[in-house]
Amino acid sequence: MKKIVTALLAVLIFAAAALAADYPAKLAITYVKAPLNVPSIVAKYNKSFEAAYPGVALSFPELTEGPKQTAALAAGEIGIASCLGATSALLAASEGLDIKIVGIYSRAPKAFMIVVKDPAIKSVRDLKGKKVAGPKGTILHQLLAAALEKEGMTVKDVQFIQMDLPSGANALAKGSVDAALLAGPAAYNTLASGARMLKNGEGLVDATIVIATTEKFLKEYPKAVETFMETHKKSIEWMKKNPLAAKEMTQKETGLPMAGVEAMYPWYDFDPQIRKADIEELVRTQKFMLDNGLQRKKIDDVRKLVR
């Protein structure tokens, strides 16, 4: 009996050691619900990650700004940035952070848009000299630059004013700016209030959001990253099988009316597979960052950021 107990203890100790090697004792995974991040919302309501990481102390910090996410990655405060803008990933990598892109969170060109109220503004060309509010160094900023470039213009041809989405929407409503760069619920609510979309990202930007970690974390805990991706994919599959429930969760979490969720839901491509087109979009995004003085150093080969 003593030998059996000793053997069982040895097995348990070995299993505990294996678990410790696979996963950190604590793991922080960012939670970002906007613009309309349905897989993350589904995972939250279904407690998917809690089930996937037994014995691991999980936390889900709501870091919605890219620079804060990359700073937290650099400091080791988070292990996985579940939903990080490509602009932020590239900027952090160019400044020396060992970013590793392990998947694509979403592509949603229709969800990112330039919104106006003045009926006299009928085309992007009419924005010349006008005040445009939006978040600097983001996909929305890239959309503005791409739309202006199509008209032979640059961001210097407008009065670009740094504002977050709620501030931009409010400024447009008050008439203190001529256009606002908006996405997700902020865009939907502004359009519902009488504004109109001048241009969205179709044909201009893919609006790529990535899933990222650091090379250090990936080397130390490859199983933890693999588990995240497997669980994330299961949430996407659950969405496909339970669309009504997924939409109800999203409506509850975002506060949007169901009509808004229904309208925006089809705009998003949540396939996490990294495609050749995604790499090409990263290259275009880096060019935008460099051309607009948002990135100091060029990454020679963007493909090296991808696992």
C-alpha atoms as a PDB file:
ATOM      1  CA  MET A   1       0.000   0.000   0.000  1.00  0.00           C
ATOM      2  CA  LYS A   2       2.825   2.368   0.914  1.00  0.00           C
ATOM      3  CA  LYS A   3       4.393   1.799  -2.506  1.00  0.00           C
ATOM      4  CA  ILE A   4       1.073   2.507  -4.237  1.00  0.00           C
ATOM      5  CA  VAL A   5       0.578   5.777  -2.312  1.00  0.00           C
ATOM      6  CA  THR A   6       4.156   6.815  -3.085  1.00  0.00           C
ATOM      7  CA  ALA A   7       3.624   6.059  -6.767  1.00  0.00           C
ATOM      8  CA  LEU A   8       0.372   8.056  -6.824  1.00  0.00           C
ATOM      9  CA  LEU A   9       2.072  11.002  -5.152  1.00  0.00           C
ATOM     10  CA  ALA A  10       4.841  10.852  -7.719  1.00  0.00           C
ATOM     11  CA  VAL A  11       2.286  10.918 -10.543  1.00  0.00           C
ATOM     12  CA  LEU A  12       0.467  13.890  -8.999  1.00  0.00           C
ATOM     13  CA  ILE A  13       3.710  15.793  -8.490  1.00  0.00           C
ATOM     14  CA  PHE A  14       4.724  15.075 -12.092  1.00  0.00           C
ATOM     15  CA  ALA A  15       1.313  16.224 -13.361  1.00  0.00           C
ATOM     16  CA  ALA A  16       1.521  19.412 -11.293  1.00  0.00           C
ATOM     17  CA  ALA A  17       5.008  20.101 -12.620  1.00  0.00           C
ATOM     18  CA  ALA A  18       3.818  19.528 -16.192  1.00  0.00           C
ATOM     19  CA  LEU A  19       0.908  21.938 -15.645  1.00  0.00           C
ATOM     20  CA  ALA A  20       3.266  24.533 -14.190  1.00  0.00           C
ATOM     21  CA  ALA A  21       5.475  24.199 -17.271  1.00  0.00           C
ATOM     22  CA  ASP A  22       2.488  24.546 -19.623  1.00  0.00           C
ATOM     23  CA  TYR A  23       0.833  27.530 -17.958  1.00  0.00           C
ATOM     24  CA  PRO A  24       1.882  30.430 -15.758  1.00  0.00           C
ATOM     25  CA  ALA A  25       0.336  30.573 -12.285  1.00  0.00           C
ATOM     26  CA  LYS A  26      -1.358  33.842 -13.285  1.00  0.00           C
ATOM     27  CA  LEU A  27      -2.448  34.850 -16.753  1.00  0.00           C
ATOM     28  CA  ALA A  28      -3.935  38.174 -17.853  1.00  0.00           C
ATOM     29  CA  ILE A  29      -5.822  38.209 -21.167  1.00  0.00           C
ATOM     30  CA  THR A  30      -7.152  41.560 -22.374  1.00  0.00           C
ATOM     31  CA  TYR A  31     -10.881  41.992 -22.813  1.00  0.00           C
ATOM     32  CA  VAL A  32     -12.047  44.484 -25.454  1.00  0.00           C
ATOM     33  CA  LYS A  33     -15.724  44.485 -26.399  1.00  0.00           C
ATOM     34  CA  ALA A  34     -15.803  47.366 -28.911  1.00  0.00           C
ATOM     35  CA  PRO A  35     -16.291  47.962 -31.778  1.00  0.00           C
ATOM     36  CA  LEU A  36     -18.293  44.683 -31.883  1.00  0.00           C
ATOM     37  CA  ASN A  37     -15.962  41.957 -30.661  1.00  0.00           C
ATOM     38  CA  VAL A  38     -18.462  39.131 -30.501  1.00  0.00           C
ATOM     39  CA  PRO A  39     -15.995  36.248 -29.860  1.00  0.00           C
ATOM     40  CA  SER A  40     -14.675  37.984 -26.741  1.00  0.00           C
ATOM     41  CA  ILE A  41     -18.193  38.715 -25.516  1.00  0.00           C
ATOM     42  CA  VAL A  42     -19.231  35.091 -26.085  1.00  0.00           C
ATOM     43  CA  ALA A  43     -16.143  33.811 -24.254  1.00  0.00           C
ATOM     44  CA  LYS A  44     -16.935  36.112 -21.316  1.00  0.00           C
ATOM     45  CA  TYR A  45     -20.563  35.006 -20.990  1.00  0.00           C
ATOM     46  CA  ASN A  46     -19.726  31.311 -21.489  1.00  0.00           C
ATOM     47  CA  LYS A  47     -16.684  31.517 -19.161  1.00  0.00           C
ATOM     48  CA  SER A  48     -14.753  29.732 -21.897  1.00  0.00           C
ATOM     49  CA  PHE A  49     -11.253  30.678 -20.765  1.00  0.00           C
ATOM     50  CA  GLU A  50     -11.986  29.796 -17.151  1.00  0.00           C
ATOM     51  CA  ALA A  51     -12.825  26.276 -18.329  1.00  0.00           C
ATOM     52  CA  ALA A  52      -9.789  26.104 -20.621  1.00  0.00           C
ATOM     53  CA  TYR A  53      -7.214  27.077 -17.973  1.00  0.00           C
ATOM     54  CA  PRO A  54      -8.044  25.040 -14.834  1.00  0.00           C
ATOM     55  CA  GLY A  55      -5.890  25.985 -11.875  1.00  0.00           C
ATOM     56  CA  VAL A  56      -4.640  29.205 -13.479  1.00  0.00           C
ATOM     57  CA  ALA A  57      -5.500  32.536 -11.846  1.00  0.00           C
ATOM     58  CA  LEU A  58      -7.020  34.412 -14.778  1.00  0.00           C
ATOM     59  CA  SER A  59      -7.747  38.111 -15.143  1.00  0.00           C
ATOM     60  CA  PHE A  60      -9.246  40.061 -18.025  1.00  0.00           C
ATOM     61  CA  PRO A  61      -8.092  43.691 -17.893  1.00  0.00           C
ATOM     62  CA  GLU A  62     -10.146  46.012 -20.097  1.00  0.00           C
ATOM     63  CA  LEU A  63      -7.284  47.760 -21.848  1.00  0.00           C
ATOM     64  CA  THR A  64      -8.903  49.296 -24.894  1.00  0.00           C
ATOM     65  CA  GLU A  65      -6.060  51.528 -26.107  1.00  0.00           C
ATOM     66  CA  GLY A  66      -3.301  49.924 -28.181  1.00  0.00           C
ATOM     67  CA  PRO A  67      -0.373  51.744 -26.527  1.00  0.00           C
ATOM     68  CA  LYS A  68      -1.590  50.657 -23.080  1.00  0.00           C
ATOM     69  CA  GLN A  69      -1.840  47.061 -24.280  1.00  0.00           C
ATOM     70  CA  THR A  70       1.655  47.003 -25.739  1.00  0.00           C
ATOM     71  CA  ALA A  71       3.061  48.692 -22.621  1.00  0.00           C
ATOM     72  CA  ALA A  72       1.409  45.998 -20.500  1.00  0.00           C
ATOM     73  CA  LEU A  73       2.863  43.283 -22.756  1.00  0.00           C
ATOM     74  CA  ALA A  74       6.318  44.837 -22.405  1.00  0.00           C
ATOM     75  CA  ALA A  75       5.969  44.954 -18.619  1.00  0.00           C
ATOM     76  CA  GLY A  76       4.747  41.363 -18.434  1.00  0.00           C
ATOM     77  CA  GLU A  77       1.457  42.553 -16.927  1.00  0.00           C
ATOM     78  CA  ILE A  78      -0.542  40.724 -19.584  1.00  0.00           C
ATOM     79  CA  GLY A  79       0.312  37.521 -21.385  1.00  0.00           C
ATOM     80  CA  ILE A  80      -1.985  37.782 -24.393  1.00  0.00           C
ATOM     81  CA  ALA A  81      -3.437  40.853 -26.096  1.00  0.00           C
ATOM     82  CA  SER A  82      -6.575  39.308 -27.514  1.00  0.00           C
ATOM     83  CA  CYS A  83      -7.548  42.265 -29.668  1.00  0.00           C
ATOM     84  CA  LEU A  84      -4.760  44.667 -30.696  1.00  0.00           C
ATOM     85  CA  GLY A  85      -4.808  47.156 -33.561  1.00  0.00           C
ATOM     86  CA  ALA A  86      -2.211  46.429 -36.233  1.00  0.00           C
ATOM     87  CA  THR A  87      -0.941  50.013 -35.979  1.00  0.00           C
ATOM     88  CA  SER A  88      -0.128  49.553 -32.289  1.00  0.00           C
ATOM     89  CA  ALA A  89       1.513  46.178 -32.883  1.00  0.00           C
ATOM     90  CA  LEU A  90       3.761  47.590 -35.605  1.00  0.00           C
ATOM     91  CA  LEU A  91       4.703  50.673 -33.617  1.00  0.00           C
ATOM     92  CA  ALA A  92       5.642  48.624 -30.551  1.00  0.00           C
ATOM     93  CA  ALA A  93       7.659  46.179 -32.668  1.00  0.00           C
ATOM     94  CA  SER A  94       9.517  49.014 -34.385  1.00  0.00           C
ATOM     95  CA  GLU A  95      10.521  50.343 -30.956  1.00  0.00           C
ATOM     96  CA  GLY A  96      11.981  46.999 -29.898  1.00  0.00           C
ATOM     97  CA  LEU A  97       9.146  45.073 -28.246  1.00  0.00           C
ATOM     98  CA  ASP A  98       9.352  41.381 -29.157  1.00  0.00           C
ATOM     99  CA  ILE A  99       5.762  41.295 -30.472  1.00  0.00           C
ATOM    100  CA  LYS A 100       4.513  38.042 -31.958  1.00  0.00           C
ATOM    101  CA  ILE A 101       1.267  38.016 -33.920  1.00  0.00           C
ATOM    102  CA  VAL A 102      -0.335  34.613 -33.332  1.00  0.00           C
ATOM    103  CA  GLY A 103      -3.643  35.165 -35.088  1.00  0.00           C
ATOM    104  CA  ILE A 104      -6.053  37.659 -36.626  1.00  0.00           C
ATOM    105  CA  TYR A 105      -8.882  38.824 -34.403  1.00  0.00           C
ATOM    106  CA  SER A 106     -10.965  40.540 -37.068  1.00  0.00           C
ATOM    107  CA  ARG A 107     -11.138  42.303 -40.395  1.00  0.00           C
ATOM    108  CA  ALA A 108     -13.995  44.789 -40.662  1.00  0.00           C
ATOM    109  CA  PRO A 109     -13.523  47.546 -43.266  1.00  0.00           C
ATOM    110  CA  LYS A 110     -17.250  48.378 -43.221  1.00  0.00           C
ATOM    111  CA  ALA A 111     -17.180  49.044 -39.479  1.00  0.00           C
ATOM    112  CA  PHE A 112     -14.684  51.930 -39.702  1.00  0.00           C
ATOM    113  CA  MET A 113     -15.947  55.118 -41.266  1.00  0.00           C
ATOM    114  CA  ILE A 114     -15.753  58.849 -41.854  1.00  0.00           C
ATOM    115  CA  VAL A 115     -19.017  60.383 -40.645  1.00  0.00           C
ATOM    116  CA  VAL A 116     -20.383  63.857 -41.474  1.00  0.00           C
ATOM    117  CA  LYS A 117     -23.548  65.926 -40.946  1.00  0.00           C
ATOM    118  CA  ASP A 118     -23.156  68.904 -43.298  1.00  0.00           C
ATOM    119  CA  PRO A 119     -25.070  68.173 -46.546  1.00  0.00           C
ATOM    120  CA  ALA A 120     -22.538  70.308 -48.405  1.00  0.00           C
ATOM    121  CA  ILE A 121     -19.851  67.679 -47.759  1.00  0.00           C
ATOM    122  CA  LYS A 122     -20.644  65.206 -50.506  1.00  0.00           C
ATOM    123  CA  SER A 123     -17.241  63.605 -51.101  1.00  0.00           C
ATOM    124  CA  VAL A 124     -13.887  63.120 -49.416  1.00  0.00           C
ATOM    125  CA  ARG A 125     -12.550  65.941 -51.589  1.00  0.00           C
ATOM    126  CA  ASP A 126     -14.952  68.304 -49.789  1.00  0.00           C
ATOM    127  CA  LEU A 127     -13.052  67.706 -46.546  1.00  0.00           C
ATOM    128  CA  LYS A 128     -10.214  69.956 -47.706  1.00  0.00           C
ATOM    129  CA  GLY A 129      -9.531  72.520 -45.001  1.00  0.00           C
ATOM    130  CA  LYS A 130     -12.239  71.030 -42.770  1.00  0.00           C
ATOM    131  CA  LYS A 131     -11.911  69.905 -39.147  1.00  0.00           C
ATOM    132  CA  VAL A 132     -11.747  66.117 -38.836  1.00  0.00           C
ATOM    133  CA  ALA A 133     -11.723  64.495 -35.391  1.00  0.00           C
ATOM    134  CA  GLY A 134     -10.341  61.030 -34.700  1.00  0.00           C
ATOM    135  CA  PRO A 135      -7.836  58.921 -32.797  1.00  0.00           C
ATOM    136  CA  LYS A 136      -4.300  59.436 -34.054  1.00  0.00           C
ATOM    137  CA  GLY A 137      -2.203  56.451 -35.159  1.00  0.00           C
ATOM    138  CA  THR A 138      -5.133  54.059 -35.481  1.00  0.00           C
ATOM    139  CA  ILE A 139      -6.996  52.189 -38.209  1.00  0.00           C
ATOM    140  CA  LEU A 140      -9.388  55.143 -38.440  1.00  0.00           C
ATOM    141  CA  HIS A 141      -6.478  57.523 -38.996  1.00  0.00           C
ATOM    142  CA  GLN A 142      -5.197  55.136 -41.676  1.00  0.00           C
ATOM    143  CA  LEU A 143      -8.656  55.125 -43.295  1.00  0.00           C
ATOM    144  CA  LEU A 144      -8.643  58.926 -43.477  1.00  0.00           C
ATOM    145  CA  ALA A 145      -5.173  58.961 -45.034  1.00  0.00           C
ATOM    146  CA  ALA A 146      -6.125  56.292 -47.598  1.00  0.00           C
ATOM    147  CA  ALA A 147      -9.377  58.061 -48.519  1.00  0.00           C
ATOM    148  CA  LEU A 148      -7.582  61.387 -48.981  1.00  0.00           C
ATOM    149  CA  GLU A 149      -4.811  59.751 -51.009  1.00  0.00           C
ATOM    150  CA  LYS A 150      -7.441  58.448 -53.445  1.00  0.00           C
ATOM    151  CA  GLU A 151      -8.312  62.090 -54.094  1.00  0.00           C
ATOM    152  CA  GLY A 152      -4.700  63.195 -54.473  1.00  0.00           C
ATOM    153  CA  MET A 153      -4.650  64.690 -50.992  1.00  0.00           C
ATOM    154  CA  THR A 154      -2.943  64.004 -47.659  1.00  0.00           C
ATOM    155  CA  VAL A 155      -3.884  64.397 -43.998  1.00  0.00           C
ATOM    156  CA  LYS A 156      -2.156  67.795 -44.149  1.00  0.00           C
ATOM    157  CA  ASP A 157      -4.999  68.967 -46.393  1.00  0.00           C
ATOM    158  CA  VAL A 158      -7.459  68.751 -43.485  1.00  0.00           C
ATOM    159  CA  GLN A 159      -7.402  70.035 -39.910  1.00  0.00           C
ATOM    160  CA  PHE A 160      -6.905  66.727 -38.138  1.00  0.00           C
ATOM    161  CA  ILE A 161      -7.812  66.925 -34.433  1.00  0.00           C
ATOM    162  CA  GLN A 162      -6.858  64.148 -32.020  1.00  0.00           C
ATOM    163  CA  MET A 163      -9.981  62.842 -30.252  1.00  0.00           C
ATOM    164  CA  ASP A 164     -11.207  59.498 -28.971  1.00  0.00           C
ATOM    165  CA  LEU A 165     -14.409  58.090 -30.462  1.00  0.00           C
ATOM    166  CA  PRO A 166     -16.945  59.405 -27.900  1.00  0.00           C
ATOM    167  CA  SER A 167     -15.362  62.881 -27.983  1.00  0.00           C
ATOM    168  CA  GLY A 168     -15.340  62.900 -31.780  1.00  0.00           C
ATOM    169  CA  ALA A 169     -18.974  61.838 -31.976  1.00  0.00           C
ATOM    170  CA  ASN A 170     -19.932  64.518 -29.463  1.00  0.00           C
ATOM    171  CA  ALA A 171     -17.945  67.192 -31.333  1.00  0.00           C
ATOM    172  CA  LEU A 172     -19.666  66.273 -34.592  1.00  0.00           C
ATOM    173  CA  ALA A 173     -23.082  66.420 -32.930  1.00  0.00           C
ATOM    174  CA  LYS A 174     -22.321  69.907 -31.582  1.00  0.00           C
ATOM    175  CA  GLY A 175     -20.939  71.085 -34.914  1.00  0.00           C
ATOM    176  CA  SER A 176     -17.477  71.894 -33.572  1.00  0.00           C
ATOM    177  CA  VAL A 177     -15.920  69.573 -36.181  1.00  0.00           C
ATOM    178  CA  ASP A 178     -16.954  68.845 -39.748  1.00  0.00           C
ATOM    179  CA  ALA A 179     -16.265  65.107 -39.728  1.00  0.00           C
ATOM    180  CA  ALA A 180     -15.541  62.362 -37.204  1.00  0.00           C
ATOM    181  CA  LEU A 181     -13.694  59.088 -37.606  1.00  0.00           C
ATOM    182  CA  LEU A 182     -15.910  56.508 -35.930  1.00  0.00           C
ATOM    183  CA  ALA A 183     -16.363  52.762 -35.549  1.00  0.00           C
ATOM    184  CA  GLY A 184     -18.708  50.286 -33.911  1.00  0.00           C
ATOM    185  CA  PRO A 185     -21.422  51.517 -31.529  1.00  0.00           C
ATOM    186  CA  ALA A 186     -20.160  55.128 -31.693  1.00  0.00           C
ATOM    187  CA  ALA A 187     -20.623  55.095 -35.466  1.00  0.00           C
ATOM    188  CA  TYR A 188     -24.015  53.370 -35.332  1.00  0.00           C
ATOM    189  CA  ASN A 189     -25.423  55.712 -32.691  1.00  0.00           C
ATOM    190  CA  THR A 190     -24.156  58.794 -34.540  1.00  0.00           C
ATOM    191  CA  LEU A 191     -25.721  57.603 -37.808  1.00  0.00           C
ATOM    192  CA  ALA A 192     -28.961  56.835 -35.970  1.00  0.00           C
ATOM    193  CA  SER A 193     -28.942  60.444 -34.708  1.00  0.00           C
ATOM    194  CA  GLY A 194     -29.032  61.849 -38.230  1.00  0.00           C
ATOM    195  CA  ALA A 195     -25.423  61.900 -39.390  1.00  0.00           C
ATOM    196  CA  ARG A 196     -24.330  60.001 -42.492  1.00  0.00           C
ATOM    197  CA  MET A 197     -21.412  57.922 -43.598  1.00  0.00           C
ATOM    198  CA  LEU A 198     -19.164  59.698 -46.092  1.00  0.00           C
ATOM    199  CA  LYS A 199     -16.771  56.778 -46.575  1.00  0.00           C
ATOM    200  CA  ASN A 200     -15.992  53.472 -44.941  1.00  0.00           C
ATOM    201  CA  GLY A 201     -12.920  51.268 -45.225  1.00  0.00           C
ATOM    202  CA  GLU A 202     -14.079  49.142 -48.162  1.00  0.00           C
ATOM    203  CA  GLY A 203     -11.369  49.118 -50.794  1.00  0.00           C
ATOM    204  CA  LEU A 204      -9.148  51.306 -48.620  1.00  0.00           C
ATOM    205  CA  VAL A 205      -8.175  49.381 -45.466  1.00  0.00           C
ATOM    206  CA  ASP A 206      -8.870  45.882 -44.188  1.00  0.00           C
ATOM    207  CA  ALA A 207      -9.111  47.226 -40.626  1.00  0.00           C
ATOM    208  CA  THR A 208      -6.992  44.375 -39.334  1.00  0.00           C
ATOM    209  CA  ILE A 209      -7.007  43.623 -35.613  1.00  0.00           C
ATOM    210  CA  VAL A 210      -4.486  41.050 -34.407  1.00  0.00           C
ATOM    211  CA  ILE A 211      -4.020  38.646 -31.513  1.00  0.00           C
ATOM    212  CA  ALA A 212      -0.564  39.142 -30.033  1.00  0.00           C
ATOM    213  CA  THR A 213       1.833  38.127 -27.312  1.00  0.00           C
ATOM    214  CA  THR A 214       5.577  38.518 -26.827  1.00  0.00           C
ATOM    215  CA  GLU A 215       8.245  36.165 -28.094  1.00  0.00           C
ATOM    216  CA  LYS A 216       9.365  35.699 -24.473  1.00  0.00           C
ATOM    217  CA  PHE A 217       5.901  34.581 -23.337  1.00  0.00           C
ATOM    218  CA  LEU A 218       5.463  32.388 -26.413  1.00  0.00           C
ATOM    219  CA  LYS A 219       8.751  30.592 -25.753  1.00  0.00           C
ATOM    220  CA  GLU A 220       8.017  30.121 -22.057  1.00  0.00           C
ATOM    221  CA  TYR A 221       4.359  29.104 -22.405  1.00  0.00           C
ATOM    222  CA  PRO A 222       3.588  27.880 -25.942  1.00  0.00           C
ATOM    223  CA  LYS A 223       0.833  25.651 -24.562  1.00  0.00           C
ATOM    224  CA  ALA A 224      -0.876  28.662 -22.962  1.00  0.00           C
ATOM    225  CA  VAL A 225      -0.949  30.461 -26.307  1.00  0.00           C
ATOM    226  CA  GLU A 226      -2.150  27.313 -28.086  1.00  0.00           C
ATOM    227  CA  THR A 227      -4.939  26.924 -25.525  1.00  0.00           C
ATOM    228  CA  PHE A 228      -6.000  30.521 -26.054  1.00  0.00           C
ATOM    229  CA  MET A 229      -6.226  30.067 -29.818  1.00  0.00           C
ATOM    230  CA  GLU A 230      -8.146  26.781 -29.498  1.00  0.00           C
ATOM    231  CA  THR A 231     -10.608  28.352 -27.068  1.00  0.00           C
ATOM    232  CA  HIS A 232     -10.997  31.460 -29.216  1.00  0.00           C
ATOM    233  CA  LYS A 233     -11.781  29.277 -32.253  1.00  0.00           C
ATOM    234  CA  LYS A 234     -14.392  27.390 -30.216  1.00  0.00           C
ATOM    235  CA  SER A 235     -16.089  30.685 -29.361  1.00  0.00           C
ATOM    236  CA  ILE A 236     -16.266  31.513 -33.072  1.00  0.00           C
ATOM    237  CA  GLU A 237     -17.767  28.089 -33.801  1.00  0.00           C
ATOM    238  CA  TRP A 238     -20.265  28.589 -30.966  1.00  0.00           C
ATOM    239  CA  MET A 239     -21.286  31.916 -32.536  1.00  0.00           C
ATOM    240  CA  LYS A 240     -21.987  30.202 -35.844  1.00  0.00           C
ATOM    241  CA  LYS A 241     -24.130  27.537 -34.196  1.00  0.00           C
ATOM    242  CA  ASN A 242     -25.915  29.938 -31.840  1.00  0.00           C
ATOM    243  CA  PRO A 243     -26.231  33.251 -33.717  1.00  0.00           C
ATOM    244  CA  LEU A 244     -29.294  34.510 -31.827  1.00  0.00           C
ATOM    245  CA  ALA A 245     -27.749  33.834 -28.407  1.00  0.00           C
ATOM    246  CA  ALA A 246     -24.481  35.450 -29.522  1.00  0.00           C
ATOM    247  CA  LYS A 247     -26.354  38.549 -30.694  1.00  0.00           C
ATOM    248  CA  GLU A 248     -28.308  38.732 -27.437  1.00  0.00           C
ATOM    249  CA  MET A 249     -25.059  38.578 -25.447  1.00  0.00           C
ATOM    250  CA  THR A 250     -23.595  41.307 -27.655  1.00  0.00           C
ATOM    251  CA  GLN A 251     -26.670  43.517 -27.282  1.00  0.00           C
ATOM    252  CA  LYS A 252     -26.543  43.172 -23.501  1.00  0.00           C
ATOM    253  CA  GLU A 253     -22.798  43.828 -23.300  1.00  0.00           C
ATOM    254  CA  THR A 254     -22.633  46.808 -25.680  1.00  0.00           C
ATOM    255  CA  GLY A 255     -25.967  48.447 -24.881  1.00  0.00           C
ATOM    256  CA  LEU A 256     -26.759  48.695 -28.577  1.00  0.00           C
ATOM    257  CA  PRO A 257     -30.320  48.095 -29.732  1.00  0.00           C
ATOM    258  CA  MET A 258     -30.773  44.700 -31.343  1.00  0.00           C
ATOM    259  CA  ALA A 259     -31.288  46.472 -34.674  1.00  0.00           C
ATOM    260  CA  GLY A 260     -27.769  47.874 -34.326  1.00  0.00           C
ATOM    261  CA  VAL A 261     -26.260  44.503 -33.516  1.00  0.00           C
ATOM    262  CA  GLU A 262     -28.111  42.944 -36.464  1.00  0.00           C
ATOM    263  CA  ALA A 263     -26.848  45.675 -38.801  1.00  0.00           C
ATOM    264  CA  MET A 264     -23.203  45.484 -37.696  1.00  0.00           C
ATOM    265  CA  TYR A 265     -22.862  41.738 -37.119  1.00  0.00           C
ATOM    266  CA  PRO A 266     -22.235  40.838 -40.808  1.00  0.00           C
ATOM    267  CA  TRP A 267     -19.493  43.470 -41.142  1.00  0.00           C
ATOM    268  CA  TYR A 268     -16.950  41.364 -39.247  1.00  0.00           C
ATOM    269  CA  ASP A 269     -14.707  38.568 -40.484  1.00  0.00           C
ATOM    270  CA  PHE A 270     -13.467  36.771 -37.369  1.00  0.00           C
ATOM    271  CA  ASP A 271     -11.472  34.029 -39.111  1.00  0.00           C
ATOM    272  CA  PRO A 272      -8.286  33.827 -36.973  1.00  0.00           C
ATOM    273  CA  GLN A 273      -6.162  32.243 -39.711  1.00  0.00           C
ATOM    274  CA  ILE A 274      -3.354  34.560 -40.845  1.00  0.00           C
ATOM    275  CA  ARG A 275      -3.652  34.937 -44.616  1.00  0.00           C
ATOM    276  CA  LYS A 276      -1.249  36.259 -47.213  1.00  0.00           C
ATOM    277  CA  ALA A 277      -3.577  39.247 -47.601  1.00  0.00           C
ATOM    278  CA  ASP A 278      -3.194  39.992 -43.884  1.00  0.00           C
ATOM    279  CA  ILE A 279       0.594  40.194 -44.250  1.00  0.00           C
ATOM    280  CA  GLU A 280       0.170  42.511 -47.229  1.00  0.00           C
ATOM    281  CA  GLU A 281      -2.142  44.715 -45.151  1.00  0.00           C
ATOM    282  CA  LEU A 282       0.472  44.878 -42.380  1.00  0.00           C
ATOM    283  CA  VAL A 283       2.993  46.085 -44.954  1.00  0.00           C
ATOM    284  CA  ARG A 284       0.567  48.796 -46.141  1.00  0.00           C
ATOM    285  CA  THR A 285      -0.148  49.779 -42.557  1.00  0.00           C
ATOM    286  CA  GLN A 286       3.544  50.207 -41.828  1.00  0.00           C
ATOM    287  CA  LYS A 287       3.872  52.441 -44.901  1.00  0.00           C
ATOM    288  CA  PHE A 288       1.014  54.606 -43.587  1.00  0.00           C
ATOM    289  CA  MET A 289       2.706  54.843 -40.179  1.00  0.00           C
ATOM    290  CA  LEU A 290       6.067  55.832 -41.693  1.00  0.00           C
ATOM    291  CA  ASP A 291       4.585  58.260 -44.230  1.00  0.00           C
ATOM    292  CA  ASN A 292       2.678  60.102 -41.505  1.00  0.00           C
ATOM    293  CA  GLY A 293       5.534  60.311 -39.025  1.00  0.00           C
ATOM    294  CA  LEU A 294       3.866  57.926 -36.581  1.00  0.00           C
ATOM    295  CA  GLN A 295       6.655  55.330 -36.691  1.00  0.00           C
ATOM    296  CA  ARG A 296      10.333  56.254 -36.436  1.00  0.00           C
ATOM    297  CA  LYS A 297      11.987  53.001 -37.475  1.00  0.00           C
ATOM    298  CA  LYS A 298      11.092  50.682 -40.309  1.00  0.00           C
ATOM    299  CA  ILE A 299      10.631  46.977 -39.646  1.00  0.00           C
ATOM    300  CA  ASP A 300      12.651  45.372 -42.453  1.00  0.00           C
ATOM    301  CA  ASP A 301      10.522  42.223 -42.675  1.00  0.00           C
ATOM    302  CA  VAL A 302       7.017  42.427 -41.214  1.00  0.00           C
ATOM    303  CA  ARG A 303       6.586  38.680 -41.763  1.00  0.00           C
ATOM    304  CA  LYS A 304       8.999  38.025 -38.890  1.00  0.00           C
ATOM    305  CA  LEU A 305       6.387  39.391 -36.476  1.00  0.00           C
ATOM    306  CA  VAL A 306       4.051  36.557 -37.413  1.00  0.00           C
ATOM    307  CA  ARG A 307       4.374  33.216 -35.686  1.00  0.00           C
END
